[in-house]
């Protein structure tokens, strides 16, 4: 099965690993602001719907029931904030 570039971007933006963690959450917990910015760029490029962004990105929770923002705040990563969205 071959994915089109937009399908690949879509999958990258919304996929989860075996711990039910998204790339957004992993980047936030490690303070990788540039990765978060790139994910935002991809989301804008493929025109993810607001509902998808809200439900699958901003409000989605890891296996520990934390959103990306909870993870960043809990680790005192001040630079990671939704202001660049």
Foldseek 3Di string as FASTA:
>chain_A
DDDDPLRVLVCLLQPADPQRDHPLLVCLLVLVVVSNVVNVVSCVVSVPDPVCCVDRAQCRATNVGDHSVRNNVVVVSVVDDPPVD
